[in-house]
Amino acid sequence: MGLDRWLLPEGVEEILPPESWRFEAMRRRLLDLYRKQGYSLIIPPLIEYLDSLLTGAGHELDLQTFKLTDQLNGRMMGLRADMTPQAARIDASRLNTKGPSRLCYIGTVLRTRPDGLGGSRCPQQVGVELFGDADIGADIEIIELMLKSLRVCGAKGVHLDLGHVGIYRALAAQAGLNGEHEQELFGILQRKSQPDLEAFLRLRKLDAEVARPLASLIDLNGDVTVLQQARRQLKNSGRQVADALTTLERLAERIGKLKPVVPLHIDLAELRGYRYKTGVVFAAFVAGEGREVARGGRYDAAGAVFGRARPATGFSTDLATLMRVSERRGNGQRKKNQSA
């Protein structure tokens, strides 16, 4: 046994001085930024009853949630794995704001499994949510705030990915895929495996007019000219797909004008948060990180299960990831100064 008793569970970390002070300073900078931008701070509980915590959240979040029994009444409770559903509940059932509602939060979430190889099971989730505004301007506001968050944390060389889950949803519906097959195809597109995609379409015996648009998604990625290519290849795929492409075109144009130095990448097979997102999805990447450092998107009507359907968009990130990005920049700057 010996020293083993001091070991923390896999994927669970603690932050010690002096890093803990840097961590707190970054947390304060972010909250100051959000307050100046008109966002109100919420502090949701770490634990809730499952019928509230997981309502409308999807199967994936259910698997990521630690569960236990309330000894006072026997009801099942869960430790939050994502604060976004809690924000949606608070907007719908507690605040009852008539116009747009802007909320921010920072806190620990707990997950049964790490989000990626070597990831944490107890990230410090940072996020902002904008409820009650369906206009593309709301998505622009959230994307701008995500980029500002990275900037105040010292991130450099940020580039932005854009997609739209509505395109895949529409094409899957036209193909008549059931839930199991839709999930299987989703996995194939995330792996971008052309052989698996061809085998899937062949096995399903889909009509060529239906299979062709689905097959094209895997290659529809690149700079903004990809949207022109998508227009041609998906021209017979219906109004929902056409409207989604229009939204992406408008969004790309606006971001290009507002943030001309931020490289923009389009990927119609990228479906982050597919299970509960309803429209535009986006993610920020920086050099040296193998995965996105922040991500978000539109998830309209999330509050419907609480009796108040509202358009919604937002983003979240992990404070420890932002710390790592900041440290890498600091180390690089110190090396430059030493060599000068």
C-alpha atoms as a PDB file:
ATOM      1  CA  MET A   1       0.000   0.000   0.000  1.00  0.00           C
ATOM      2  CA  GLY A   2       2.534   2.582   1.251  1.00  0.00           C
ATOM      3  CA  LEU A   3       2.602   5.677  -0.925  1.00  0.00           C
ATOM      4  CA  ASP A   4      -0.247   4.393  -3.118  1.00  0.00           C
ATOM      5  CA  ARG A   5      -2.734   5.828  -0.652  1.00  0.00           C
ATOM      6  CA  TRP A   6      -1.631   9.321  -1.707  1.00  0.00           C
ATOM      7  CA  LEU A   7      -2.240   8.742  -5.393  1.00  0.00           C
ATOM      8  CA  LEU A   8      -5.099  10.658  -7.002  1.00  0.00           C
ATOM      9  CA  PRO A   9      -7.552   8.864  -9.318  1.00  0.00           C
ATOM     10  CA  GLU A  10      -6.558   8.756 -12.973  1.00  0.00           C
ATOM     11  CA  GLY A  11      -7.506  11.992 -14.742  1.00  0.00           C
ATOM     12  CA  VAL A  12      -7.908  13.908 -11.472  1.00  0.00           C
ATOM     13  CA  GLU A  13      -5.433  16.713 -10.758  1.00  0.00           C
ATOM     14  CA  GLU A  14      -4.672  19.288  -8.117  1.00  0.00           C
ATOM     15  CA  ILE A  15      -3.069  22.700  -8.648  1.00  0.00           C
ATOM     16  CA  LEU A  16      -0.360  23.822  -6.245  1.00  0.00           C
ATOM     17  CA  PRO A  17       1.559  27.076  -5.748  1.00  0.00           C
ATOM     18  CA  PRO A  18       2.796  29.002  -7.634  1.00  0.00           C
ATOM     19  CA  GLU A  19       0.628  27.727 -10.531  1.00  0.00           C
ATOM     20  CA  SER A  20      -2.494  28.035  -8.403  1.00  0.00           C
ATOM     21  CA  TRP A  21      -1.990  31.813  -8.157  1.00  0.00           C
ATOM     22  CA  ARG A  22      -1.571  32.070 -11.925  1.00  0.00           C
ATOM     23  CA  PHE A  23      -4.702  29.972 -12.269  1.00  0.00           C
ATOM     24  CA  GLU A  24      -6.659  32.348 -10.012  1.00  0.00           C
ATOM     25  CA  ALA A  25      -5.316  35.428 -11.819  1.00  0.00           C
ATOM     26  CA  MET A  26      -6.473  34.032 -15.163  1.00  0.00           C
ATOM     27  CA  ARG A  27      -9.892  33.203 -13.734  1.00  0.00           C
ATOM     28  CA  ARG A  28     -10.259  36.808 -12.565  1.00  0.00           C
ATOM     29  CA  ARG A  29      -9.182  38.224 -15.944  1.00  0.00           C
ATOM     30  CA  LEU A  30     -11.821  36.160 -17.700  1.00  0.00           C
ATOM     31  CA  LEU A  31     -14.590  37.127 -15.287  1.00  0.00           C
ATOM     32  CA  ASP A  32     -13.629  40.791 -15.606  1.00  0.00           C
ATOM     33  CA  LEU A  33     -13.830  40.453 -19.398  1.00  0.00           C
ATOM     34  CA  TYR A  34     -17.274  38.858 -19.277  1.00  0.00           C
ATOM     35  CA  ARG A  35     -18.589  41.428 -16.830  1.00  0.00           C
ATOM     36  CA  LYS A  36     -17.436  44.273 -19.085  1.00  0.00           C
ATOM     37  CA  GLN A  37     -19.194  42.577 -22.006  1.00  0.00           C
ATOM     38  CA  GLY A  38     -22.494  42.546 -20.087  1.00  0.00           C
ATOM     39  CA  TYR A  39     -22.565  38.900 -18.941  1.00  0.00           C
ATOM     40  CA  SER A  40     -23.954  37.975 -15.523  1.00  0.00           C
ATOM     41  CA  LEU A  41     -22.165  35.388 -13.397  1.00  0.00           C
ATOM     42  CA  ILE A  42     -24.053  32.267 -12.318  1.00  0.00           C
ATOM     43  CA  ILE A  43     -22.790  29.653  -9.858  1.00  0.00           C
ATOM     44  CA  PRO A  44     -24.807  26.446 -10.431  1.00  0.00           C
ATOM     45  CA  PRO A  45     -24.672  23.630  -7.863  1.00  0.00           C
ATOM     46  CA  LEU A  46     -22.117  20.853  -8.260  1.00  0.00           C
ATOM     47  CA  ILE A  47     -24.850  18.237  -7.824  1.00  0.00           C
ATOM     48  CA  GLU A  48     -28.475  18.016  -8.984  1.00  0.00           C
ATOM     49  CA  TYR A  49     -31.221  15.438  -9.357  1.00  0.00           C
ATOM     50  CA  LEU A  50     -30.760  13.477 -12.572  1.00  0.00           C
ATOM     51  CA  ASP A  51     -34.207  14.259 -13.932  1.00  0.00           C
ATOM     52  CA  SER A  52     -33.151  17.910 -13.995  1.00  0.00           C
ATOM     53  CA  LEU A  53     -29.439  17.596 -14.697  1.00  0.00           C
ATOM     54  CA  LEU A  54     -29.749  15.313 -17.721  1.00  0.00           C
ATOM     55  CA  THR A  55     -33.104  16.406 -19.133  1.00  0.00           C
ATOM     56  CA  GLY A  56     -32.630  16.950 -22.851  1.00  0.00           C
ATOM     57  CA  ALA A  57     -28.853  16.568 -22.558  1.00  0.00           C
ATOM     58  CA  GLY A  58     -28.441  13.381 -24.592  1.00  0.00           C
ATOM     59  CA  HIS A  59     -26.928   9.943 -24.101  1.00  0.00           C
ATOM     60  CA  GLU A  60     -23.287  11.065 -24.176  1.00  0.00           C
ATOM     61  CA  LEU A  61     -23.649  13.355 -21.163  1.00  0.00           C
ATOM     62  CA  ASP A  62     -25.494  10.594 -19.314  1.00  0.00           C
ATOM     63  CA  LEU A  63     -22.470   8.305 -19.760  1.00  0.00           C
ATOM     64  CA  GLN A  64     -20.132  11.054 -18.552  1.00  0.00           C
ATOM     65  CA  THR A  65     -22.094  11.706 -15.349  1.00  0.00           C
ATOM     66  CA  PHE A  66     -21.199  10.245 -11.953  1.00  0.00           C
ATOM     67  CA  LYS A  67     -24.406   9.134 -10.216  1.00  0.00           C
ATOM     68  CA  LEU A  68     -25.307   8.542  -6.575  1.00  0.00           C
ATOM     69  CA  THR A  69     -28.365   8.172  -4.371  1.00  0.00           C
ATOM     70  CA  ASP A  70     -29.618  10.985  -2.163  1.00  0.00           C
ATOM     71  CA  GLN A  71     -29.677   9.427   1.331  1.00  0.00           C
ATOM     72  CA  LEU A  72     -32.426  11.841   2.395  1.00  0.00           C
ATOM     73  CA  ASN A  73     -35.080  10.717  -0.071  1.00  0.00           C
ATOM     74  CA  GLY A  74     -33.693   7.919  -2.267  1.00  0.00           C
ATOM     75  CA  ARG A  75     -33.729   9.969  -5.484  1.00  0.00           C
ATOM     76  CA  MET A  76     -30.880   9.665  -7.975  1.00  0.00           C
ATOM     77  CA  MET A  77     -28.472  12.565  -8.179  1.00  0.00           C
ATOM     78  CA  GLY A  78     -25.646  13.408 -10.550  1.00  0.00           C
ATOM     79  CA  LEU A  79     -22.401  15.370 -10.370  1.00  0.00           C
ATOM     80  CA  ARG A  80     -22.386  17.831 -13.249  1.00  0.00           C
ATOM     81  CA  ALA A  81     -20.283  16.864 -16.268  1.00  0.00           C
ATOM     82  CA  ASP A  82     -21.134  20.035 -18.211  1.00  0.00           C
ATOM     83  CA  MET A  83     -22.434  23.381 -16.978  1.00  0.00           C
ATOM     84  CA  THR A  84     -24.187  24.352 -20.226  1.00  0.00           C
ATOM     85  CA  PRO A  85     -27.420  22.421 -19.442  1.00  0.00           C
ATOM     86  CA  GLN A  86     -27.445  24.026 -15.999  1.00  0.00           C
ATOM     87  CA  ALA A  87     -27.233  27.472 -17.579  1.00  0.00           C
ATOM     88  CA  ALA A  88     -30.161  26.574 -19.862  1.00  0.00           C
ATOM     89  CA  ARG A  89     -32.191  25.441 -16.851  1.00  0.00           C
ATOM     90  CA  ILE A  90     -31.411  28.628 -14.930  1.00  0.00           C
ATOM     91  CA  ASP A  91     -32.370  30.835 -17.874  1.00  0.00           C
ATOM     92  CA  ALA A  92     -35.603  28.935 -18.473  1.00  0.00           C
ATOM     93  CA  SER A  93     -36.826  28.318 -14.936  1.00  0.00           C
ATOM     94  CA  ARG A  94     -35.166  30.786 -12.576  1.00  0.00           C
ATOM     95  CA  LEU A  95     -34.361  34.061 -14.339  1.00  0.00           C
ATOM     96  CA  ASN A  96     -37.369  34.236 -16.687  1.00  0.00           C
ATOM     97  CA  THR A  97     -35.834  37.148 -18.617  1.00  0.00           C
ATOM     98  CA  LYS A  98     -38.048  38.409 -21.455  1.00  0.00           C
ATOM     99  CA  GLY A  99     -35.265  39.660 -23.716  1.00  0.00           C
ATOM    100  CA  PRO A 100     -31.787  38.256 -24.367  1.00  0.00           C
ATOM    101  CA  SER A 101     -30.006  36.844 -21.336  1.00  0.00           C
ATOM    102  CA  ARG A 102     -26.188  36.758 -21.110  1.00  0.00           C
ATOM    103  CA  LEU A 103     -24.691  34.351 -18.576  1.00  0.00           C
ATOM    104  CA  CYS A 104     -21.152  33.252 -17.708  1.00  0.00           C
ATOM    105  CA  TYR A 105     -19.738  30.651 -15.336  1.00  0.00           C
ATOM    106  CA  ILE A 106     -16.490  29.089 -14.117  1.00  0.00           C
ATOM    107  CA  GLY A 107     -16.400  25.906 -12.065  1.00  0.00           C
ATOM    108  CA  THR A 108     -15.270  22.316 -11.743  1.00  0.00           C
ATOM    109  CA  VAL A 109     -17.107  19.619 -13.680  1.00  0.00           C
ATOM    110  CA  LEU A 110     -16.608  15.891 -13.087  1.00  0.00           C
ATOM    111  CA  ARG A 111     -16.614  13.229 -15.783  1.00  0.00           C
ATOM    112  CA  THR A 112     -16.550   9.458 -15.682  1.00  0.00           C
ATOM    113  CA  ARG A 113     -14.061   9.412 -18.552  1.00  0.00           C
ATOM    114  CA  PRO A 114     -11.508  11.934 -19.820  1.00  0.00           C
ATOM    115  CA  ASP A 115     -12.393  13.972 -22.880  1.00  0.00           C
ATOM    116  CA  GLY A 116      -9.652  12.581 -25.118  1.00  0.00           C
ATOM    117  CA  LEU A 117      -6.391  10.713 -24.520  1.00  0.00           C
ATOM    118  CA  GLY A 118      -4.630  12.000 -21.424  1.00  0.00           C
ATOM    119  CA  GLY A 119      -7.430  14.455 -20.715  1.00  0.00           C
ATOM    120  CA  SER A 120      -8.770  15.534 -17.370  1.00  0.00           C
ATOM    121  CA  ARG A 121     -11.832  14.113 -15.648  1.00  0.00           C
ATOM    122  CA  CYS A 122     -12.238  17.251 -13.538  1.00  0.00           C
ATOM    123  CA  PRO A 123     -11.703  20.228 -15.849  1.00  0.00           C
ATOM    124  CA  GLN A 124     -12.358  23.783 -14.734  1.00  0.00           C
ATOM    125  CA  GLN A 125     -15.044  24.688 -17.251  1.00  0.00           C
ATOM    126  CA  VAL A 126     -15.277  28.298 -18.376  1.00  0.00           C
ATOM    127  CA  GLY A 127     -18.210  29.340 -20.522  1.00  0.00           C
ATOM    128  CA  VAL A 128     -20.619  32.007 -21.708  1.00  0.00           C
ATOM    129  CA  GLU A 129     -24.154  31.528 -22.992  1.00  0.00           C
ATOM    130  CA  LEU A 130     -26.469  33.925 -24.815  1.00  0.00           C
ATOM    131  CA  PHE A 131     -30.171  33.050 -24.618  1.00  0.00           C
ATOM    132  CA  GLY A 132     -33.111  34.643 -26.400  1.00  0.00           C
ATOM    133  CA  ASP A 133     -31.425  35.846 -29.597  1.00  0.00           C
ATOM    134  CA  ALA A 134     -31.782  33.813 -32.809  1.00  0.00           C
ATOM    135  CA  ASP A 135     -29.972  36.329 -35.015  1.00  0.00           C
ATOM    136  CA  ILE A 136     -26.593  35.540 -36.541  1.00  0.00           C
ATOM    137  CA  GLY A 137     -25.294  38.547 -34.626  1.00  0.00           C
ATOM    138  CA  ALA A 138     -25.546  36.497 -31.430  1.00  0.00           C
ATOM    139  CA  ASP A 139     -23.267  33.821 -32.877  1.00  0.00           C
ATOM    140  CA  ILE A 140     -20.821  36.539 -33.963  1.00  0.00           C
ATOM    141  CA  GLU A 141     -20.858  37.979 -30.433  1.00  0.00           C
ATOM    142  CA  ILE A 142     -20.082  34.598 -28.884  1.00  0.00           C
ATOM    143  CA  ILE A 143     -17.300  33.812 -31.365  1.00  0.00           C
ATOM    144  CA  GLU A 144     -15.744  37.243 -30.789  1.00  0.00           C
ATOM    145  CA  LEU A 145     -15.903  36.720 -27.019  1.00  0.00           C
ATOM    146  CA  MET A 146     -14.294  33.288 -27.380  1.00  0.00           C
ATOM    147  CA  LEU A 147     -11.405  34.843 -29.333  1.00  0.00           C
ATOM    148  CA  LYS A 148     -11.068  37.657 -26.779  1.00  0.00           C
ATOM    149  CA  SER A 149     -10.945  35.056 -23.991  1.00  0.00           C
ATOM    150  CA  LEU A 150      -8.045  33.320 -25.690  1.00  0.00           C
ATOM    151  CA  ARG A 151      -6.288  36.613 -26.269  1.00  0.00           C
ATOM    152  CA  VAL A 152      -6.457  37.740 -22.614  1.00  0.00           C
ATOM    153  CA  CYS A 153      -5.018  34.336 -21.675  1.00  0.00           C
ATOM    154  CA  GLY A 154      -2.034  34.856 -23.971  1.00  0.00           C
ATOM    155  CA  ALA A 155      -2.971  32.496 -26.806  1.00  0.00           C
ATOM    156  CA  LYS A 156      -1.301  33.286 -30.129  1.00  0.00           C
ATOM    157  CA  GLY A 157      -1.780  31.924 -33.632  1.00  0.00           C
ATOM    158  CA  VAL A 158      -5.474  31.130 -33.120  1.00  0.00           C
ATOM    159  CA  HIS A 159      -7.451  29.783 -36.057  1.00  0.00           C
ATOM    160  CA  LEU A 160     -11.171  29.130 -36.233  1.00  0.00           C
ATOM    161  CA  ASP A 161     -13.163  26.152 -37.512  1.00  0.00           C
ATOM    162  CA  LEU A 162     -16.799  26.517 -38.620  1.00  0.00           C
ATOM    163  CA  GLY A 163     -19.437  23.898 -39.366  1.00  0.00           C
ATOM    164  CA  HIS A 164     -23.202  23.388 -39.214  1.00  0.00           C
ATOM    165  CA  VAL A 165     -24.829  20.265 -37.775  1.00  0.00           C
ATOM    166  CA  GLY A 166     -28.105  21.074 -39.562  1.00  0.00           C
ATOM    167  CA  ILE A 167     -26.588  19.926 -42.861  1.00  0.00           C
ATOM    168  CA  TYR A 168     -25.817  16.450 -41.572  1.00  0.00           C
ATOM    169  CA  ARG A 169     -29.153  16.204 -39.761  1.00  0.00           C
ATOM    170  CA  ALA A 170     -31.050  17.049 -42.954  1.00  0.00           C
ATOM    171  CA  LEU A 171     -29.097  14.613 -45.127  1.00  0.00           C
ATOM    172  CA  ALA A 172     -29.419  11.788 -42.571  1.00  0.00           C
ATOM    173  CA  ALA A 173     -33.170  12.384 -42.372  1.00  0.00           C
ATOM    174  CA  GLN A 174     -33.487  12.298 -46.174  1.00  0.00           C
ATOM    175  CA  ALA A 175     -31.618   8.978 -46.169  1.00  0.00           C
ATOM    176  CA  GLY A 176     -34.110   7.550 -43.668  1.00  0.00           C
ATOM    177  CA  LEU A 177     -31.369   6.456 -41.244  1.00  0.00           C
ATOM    178  CA  ASN A 178     -32.523   5.181 -37.874  1.00  0.00           C
ATOM    179  CA  GLY A 179     -30.837   6.299 -34.665  1.00  0.00           C
ATOM    180  CA  GLU A 180     -28.291   3.479 -34.621  1.00  0.00           C
ATOM    181  CA  HIS A 181     -27.256   3.949 -38.250  1.00  0.00           C
ATOM    182  CA  GLU A 182     -27.145   7.725 -37.892  1.00  0.00           C
ATOM    183  CA  GLN A 183     -24.817   7.321 -34.912  1.00  0.00           C
ATOM    184  CA  GLU A 184     -22.618   4.910 -36.861  1.00  0.00           C
ATOM    185  CA  LEU A 185     -22.320   7.343 -39.761  1.00  0.00           C
ATOM    186  CA  PHE A 186     -21.567  10.157 -37.327  1.00  0.00           C
ATOM    187  CA  GLY A 187     -18.576   8.198 -36.013  1.00  0.00           C
ATOM    188  CA  ILE A 188     -17.304   7.510 -39.519  1.00  0.00           C
ATOM    189  CA  LEU A 189     -17.440  11.187 -40.439  1.00  0.00           C
ATOM    190  CA  GLN A 190     -15.555  12.154 -37.285  1.00  0.00           C
ATOM    191  CA  ARG A 191     -12.805   9.675 -38.206  1.00  0.00           C
ATOM    192  CA  LYS A 192     -12.943  10.900 -41.821  1.00  0.00           C
ATOM    193  CA  SER A 193     -12.561   7.301 -42.955  1.00  0.00           C
ATOM    194  CA  GLN A 194     -13.357   7.100 -46.663  1.00  0.00           C
ATOM    195  CA  PRO A 195     -13.270   3.244 -46.809  1.00  0.00           C
ATOM    196  CA  ASP A 196     -15.648   2.959 -43.862  1.00  0.00           C
ATOM    197  CA  LEU A 197     -17.955   5.555 -45.408  1.00  0.00           C
ATOM    198  CA  GLU A 198     -18.084   3.709 -48.738  1.00  0.00           C
ATOM    199  CA  ALA A 199     -18.749   0.404 -46.946  1.00  0.00           C
ATOM    200  CA  PHE A 200     -21.512   1.975 -44.847  1.00  0.00           C
ATOM    201  CA  LEU A 201     -23.321   3.472 -47.847  1.00  0.00           C
ATOM    202  CA  ARG A 202     -22.976   0.242 -49.806  1.00  0.00           C
ATOM    203  CA  LEU A 203     -24.315  -1.864 -46.925  1.00  0.00           C
ATOM    204  CA  ARG A 204     -27.296   0.445 -46.394  1.00  0.00           C
ATOM    205  CA  LYS A 205     -28.145   0.212 -50.131  1.00  0.00           C
ATOM    206  CA  LEU A 206     -29.069   3.878 -50.255  1.00  0.00           C
ATOM    207  CA  ASP A 207     -30.302   5.459 -53.443  1.00  0.00           C
ATOM    208  CA  ALA A 208     -27.475   7.239 -55.295  1.00  0.00           C
ATOM    209  CA  GLU A 209     -29.238  10.613 -55.069  1.00  0.00           C
ATOM    210  CA  VAL A 210     -29.307  10.251 -51.288  1.00  0.00           C
ATOM    211  CA  ALA A 211     -25.905   8.602 -50.806  1.00  0.00           C
ATOM    212  CA  ARG A 212     -23.943  11.085 -52.934  1.00  0.00           C
ATOM    213  CA  PRO A 213     -24.505  14.150 -50.706  1.00  0.00           C
ATOM    214  CA  LEU A 214     -23.652  12.154 -47.568  1.00  0.00           C
ATOM    215  CA  ALA A 215     -20.479  10.858 -49.204  1.00  0.00           C
ATOM    216  CA  SER A 216     -19.448  14.387 -50.206  1.00  0.00           C
ATOM    217  CA  LEU A 217     -19.399  15.690 -46.606  1.00  0.00           C
ATOM    218  CA  ILE A 218     -16.112  14.002 -45.816  1.00  0.00           C
ATOM    219  CA  ASP A 219     -14.287  16.089 -48.433  1.00  0.00           C
ATOM    220  CA  LEU A 220     -16.085  19.385 -47.900  1.00  0.00           C
ATOM    221  CA  ASN A 221     -13.436  21.039 -45.764  1.00  0.00           C
ATOM    222  CA  GLY A 222     -10.915  23.796 -46.388  1.00  0.00           C
ATOM    223  CA  ASP A 223     -11.026  27.581 -46.743  1.00  0.00           C
ATOM    224  CA  VAL A 224     -14.224  29.544 -47.346  1.00  0.00           C
ATOM    225  CA  THR A 225     -14.319  28.542 -51.034  1.00  0.00           C
ATOM    226  CA  VAL A 226     -15.511  25.140 -49.791  1.00  0.00           C
ATOM    227  CA  LEU A 227     -18.927  26.732 -49.315  1.00  0.00           C
ATOM    228  CA  GLN A 228     -19.166  27.402 -53.054  1.00  0.00           C
ATOM    229  CA  GLN A 229     -18.246  23.783 -53.697  1.00  0.00           C
ATOM    230  CA  ALA A 230     -20.889  22.666 -51.182  1.00  0.00           C
ATOM    231  CA  ARG A 231     -23.502  24.763 -53.011  1.00  0.00           C
ATOM    232  CA  ARG A 232     -22.819  22.817 -56.186  1.00  0.00           C
ATOM    233  CA  GLN A 233     -22.653  19.353 -54.637  1.00  0.00           C
ATOM    234  CA  LEU A 234     -25.647  19.804 -52.331  1.00  0.00           C
ATOM    235  CA  LYS A 235     -27.849  21.879 -54.619  1.00  0.00           C
ATOM    236  CA  ASN A 236     -30.624  19.264 -54.664  1.00  0.00           C
ATOM    237  CA  SER A 237     -30.554  18.555 -50.918  1.00  0.00           C
ATOM    238  CA  GLY A 238     -33.444  20.757 -49.889  1.00  0.00           C
ATOM    239  CA  ARG A 239     -34.202  24.055 -48.202  1.00  0.00           C
ATOM    240  CA  GLN A 240     -32.739  23.150 -44.789  1.00  0.00           C
ATOM    241  CA  VAL A 241     -29.308  22.457 -46.281  1.00  0.00           C
ATOM    242  CA  ALA A 242     -29.457  25.591 -48.443  1.00  0.00           C
ATOM    243  CA  ASP A 243     -30.378  27.743 -45.428  1.00  0.00           C
ATOM    244  CA  ALA A 244     -27.527  26.247 -43.374  1.00  0.00           C
ATOM    245  CA  LEU A 245     -25.035  27.064 -46.131  1.00  0.00           C
ATOM    246  CA  THR A 246     -26.391  30.613 -46.303  1.00  0.00           C
ATOM    247  CA  THR A 247     -25.855  30.974 -42.560  1.00  0.00           C
ATOM    248  CA  LEU A 248     -22.265  29.760 -42.863  1.00  0.00           C
ATOM    249  CA  GLU A 249     -21.610  32.116 -45.786  1.00  0.00           C
ATOM    250  CA  ARG A 250     -22.918  35.106 -43.847  1.00  0.00           C
ATOM    251  CA  LEU A 251     -20.994  34.088 -40.742  1.00  0.00           C
ATOM    252  CA  ALA A 252     -17.736  33.586 -42.652  1.00  0.00           C
ATOM    253  CA  GLU A 253     -18.136  36.959 -44.355  1.00  0.00           C
ATOM    254  CA  ARG A 254     -18.785  38.794 -41.076  1.00  0.00           C
ATOM    255  CA  ILE A 255     -15.913  37.080 -39.254  1.00  0.00           C
ATOM    256  CA  GLY A 256     -13.583  37.789 -42.179  1.00  0.00           C
ATOM    257  CA  LYS A 257     -14.327  41.501 -41.865  1.00  0.00           C
ATOM    258  CA  LEU A 258     -14.194  41.633 -38.063  1.00  0.00           C
ATOM    259  CA  LYS A 259     -11.194  39.331 -37.601  1.00  0.00           C
ATOM    260  CA  PRO A 260      -9.230  39.393 -40.861  1.00  0.00           C
ATOM    261  CA  VAL A 261      -6.061  38.057 -39.200  1.00  0.00           C
ATOM    262  CA  VAL A 262      -7.789  34.916 -37.855  1.00  0.00           C
ATOM    263  CA  PRO A 263      -7.499  32.024 -40.352  1.00  0.00           C
ATOM    264  CA  LEU A 264     -10.913  30.503 -41.048  1.00  0.00           C
ATOM    265  CA  HIS A 265     -11.482  26.828 -41.872  1.00  0.00           C
ATOM    266  CA  ILE A 266     -14.773  25.255 -42.974  1.00  0.00           C
ATOM    267  CA  ASP A 267     -15.556  21.605 -42.228  1.00  0.00           C
ATOM    268  CA  LEU A 268     -19.037  20.249 -42.979  1.00  0.00           C
ATOM    269  CA  ALA A 269     -18.193  16.845 -41.486  1.00  0.00           C
ATOM    270  CA  GLU A 270     -17.125  18.328 -38.150  1.00  0.00           C
ATOM    271  CA  LEU A 271     -20.046  17.766 -35.777  1.00  0.00           C
ATOM    272  CA  ARG A 272     -18.879  18.833 -32.318  1.00  0.00           C
ATOM    273  CA  GLY A 273     -21.746  18.548 -29.871  1.00  0.00           C
ATOM    274  CA  TYR A 274     -23.914  16.978 -32.568  1.00  0.00           C
ATOM    275  CA  ARG A 275     -26.217  15.286 -30.085  1.00  0.00           C
ATOM    276  CA  TYR A 276     -27.637  18.537 -28.717  1.00  0.00           C
ATOM    277  CA  LYS A 277     -26.411  21.286 -31.056  1.00  0.00           C
ATOM    278  CA  THR A 278     -28.916  22.504 -33.646  1.00  0.00           C
ATOM    279  CA  GLY A 279     -27.006  24.833 -35.963  1.00  0.00           C
ATOM    280  CA  VAL A 280     -23.628  26.498 -36.332  1.00  0.00           C
ATOM    281  CA  VAL A 281     -20.724  24.876 -34.474  1.00  0.00           C
ATOM    282  CA  PHE A 282     -17.272  26.366 -34.063  1.00  0.00           C
ATOM    283  CA  ALA A 283     -13.931  25.664 -32.423  1.00  0.00           C
ATOM    284  CA  ALA A 284     -10.666  27.502 -31.816  1.00  0.00           C
ATOM    285  CA  PHE A 285      -7.260  25.890 -32.312  1.00  0.00           C
ATOM    286  CA  VAL A 286      -3.732  27.070 -31.524  1.00  0.00           C
ATOM    287  CA  ALA A 287      -0.372  25.744 -32.683  1.00  0.00           C
ATOM    288  CA  GLY A 288       1.036  23.014 -30.457  1.00  0.00           C
ATOM    289  CA  GLU A 289      -2.335  21.756 -29.208  1.00  0.00           C
ATOM    290  CA  GLY A 290      -3.584  18.547 -30.768  1.00  0.00           C
ATOM    291  CA  ARG A 291      -7.223  19.390 -30.170  1.00  0.00           C
ATOM    292  CA  GLU A 292      -9.405  22.460 -29.925  1.00  0.00           C
ATOM    293  CA  VAL A 293      -8.818  24.816 -26.993  1.00  0.00           C
ATOM    294  CA  ALA A 294     -12.385  26.171 -27.015  1.00  0.00           C
ATOM    295  CA  ARG A 295     -15.604  25.158 -28.738  1.00  0.00           C
ATOM    296  CA  GLY A 296     -19.237  26.099 -28.963  1.00  0.00           C
ATOM    297  CA  GLY A 297     -22.276  26.515 -31.154  1.00  0.00           C
ATOM    298  CA  ARG A 298     -26.005  27.051 -31.345  1.00  0.00           C
ATOM    299  CA  TYR A 299     -28.409  24.854 -29.371  1.00  0.00           C
ATOM    300  CA  ASP A 300     -31.833  26.420 -29.809  1.00  0.00           C
ATOM    301  CA  ALA A 301     -34.811  25.351 -27.675  1.00  0.00           C
ATOM    302  CA  ALA A 302     -32.621  23.765 -24.970  1.00  0.00           C
ATOM    303  CA  GLY A 303     -34.931  25.232 -22.330  1.00  0.00           C
ATOM    304  CA  ALA A 304     -38.050  23.664 -23.859  1.00  0.00           C
ATOM    305  CA  VAL A 305     -37.912  20.755 -21.387  1.00  0.00           C
ATOM    306  CA  PHE A 306     -38.146  23.327 -18.593  1.00  0.00           C
ATOM    307  CA  GLY A 307     -41.182  24.964 -20.193  1.00  0.00           C
ATOM    308  CA  ARG A 308     -39.426  27.808 -21.995  1.00  0.00           C
ATOM    309  CA  ALA A 309     -37.932  27.215 -25.444  1.00  0.00           C
ATOM    310  CA  ARG A 310     -35.405  29.909 -26.285  1.00  0.00           C
ATOM    311  CA  PRO A 311     -32.744  30.277 -28.957  1.00  0.00           C
ATOM    312  CA  ALA A 312     -29.290  29.825 -27.466  1.00  0.00           C
ATOM    313  CA  THR A 313     -25.638  29.969 -28.430  1.00  0.00           C
ATOM    314  CA  GLY A 314     -22.456  29.803 -26.384  1.00  0.00           C
ATOM    315  CA  PHE A 315     -18.940  28.464 -25.971  1.00  0.00           C
ATOM    316  CA  SER A 316     -16.866  26.786 -23.281  1.00  0.00           C
ATOM    317  CA  THR A 317     -13.250  25.957 -22.589  1.00  0.00           C
ATOM    318  CA  ASP A 318     -11.064  24.522 -19.825  1.00  0.00           C
ATOM    319  CA  LEU A 319      -9.054  26.875 -17.644  1.00  0.00           C
ATOM    320  CA  ALA A 320      -6.225  24.341 -17.348  1.00  0.00           C
ATOM    321  CA  THR A 321      -5.965  24.228 -21.154  1.00  0.00           C
ATOM    322  CA  LEU A 322      -5.759  28.019 -21.268  1.00  0.00           C
ATOM    323  CA  MET A 323      -3.035  27.885 -18.609  1.00  0.00           C
ATOM    324  CA  ARG A 324      -1.058  25.413 -20.702  1.00  0.00           C
ATOM    325  CA  VAL A 325      -1.367  27.594 -23.799  1.00  0.00           C
ATOM    326  CA  SER A 326      -0.292  30.633 -21.796  1.00  0.00           C
ATOM    327  CA  GLU A 327       2.723  28.800 -20.327  1.00  0.00           C
ATOM    328  CA  ARG A 328       3.863  27.664 -23.763  1.00  0.00           C
ATOM    329  CA  ARG A 329       3.780  31.240 -25.014  1.00  0.00           C
ATOM    330  CA  GLY A 330       5.637  32.431 -21.901  1.00  0.00           C
ATOM    331  CA  ASN A 331       8.343  29.786 -22.271  1.00  0.00           C
ATOM    332  CA  GLY A 332       8.777  30.692 -25.925  1.00  0.00           C
ATOM    333  CA  GLN A 333       9.111  34.386 -25.071  1.00  0.00           C
ATOM    334  CA  ARG A 334      11.680  33.640 -22.365  1.00  0.00           C
ATOM    335  CA  LYS A 335      13.768  31.587 -24.786  1.00  0.00           C
ATOM    336  CA  LYS A 336      13.722  34.463 -27.296  1.00  0.00           C
ATOM    337  CA  ASN A 337      14.847  36.916 -24.619  1.00  0.00           C
ATOM    338  CA  GLN A 338      17.652  34.613 -23.493  1.00  0.00           C
ATOM    339  CA  SER A 339      18.951  34.198 -27.034  1.00  0.00           C
ATOM    340  CA  ALA A 340      18.804  37.931 -27.801  1.00  0.00           C
END
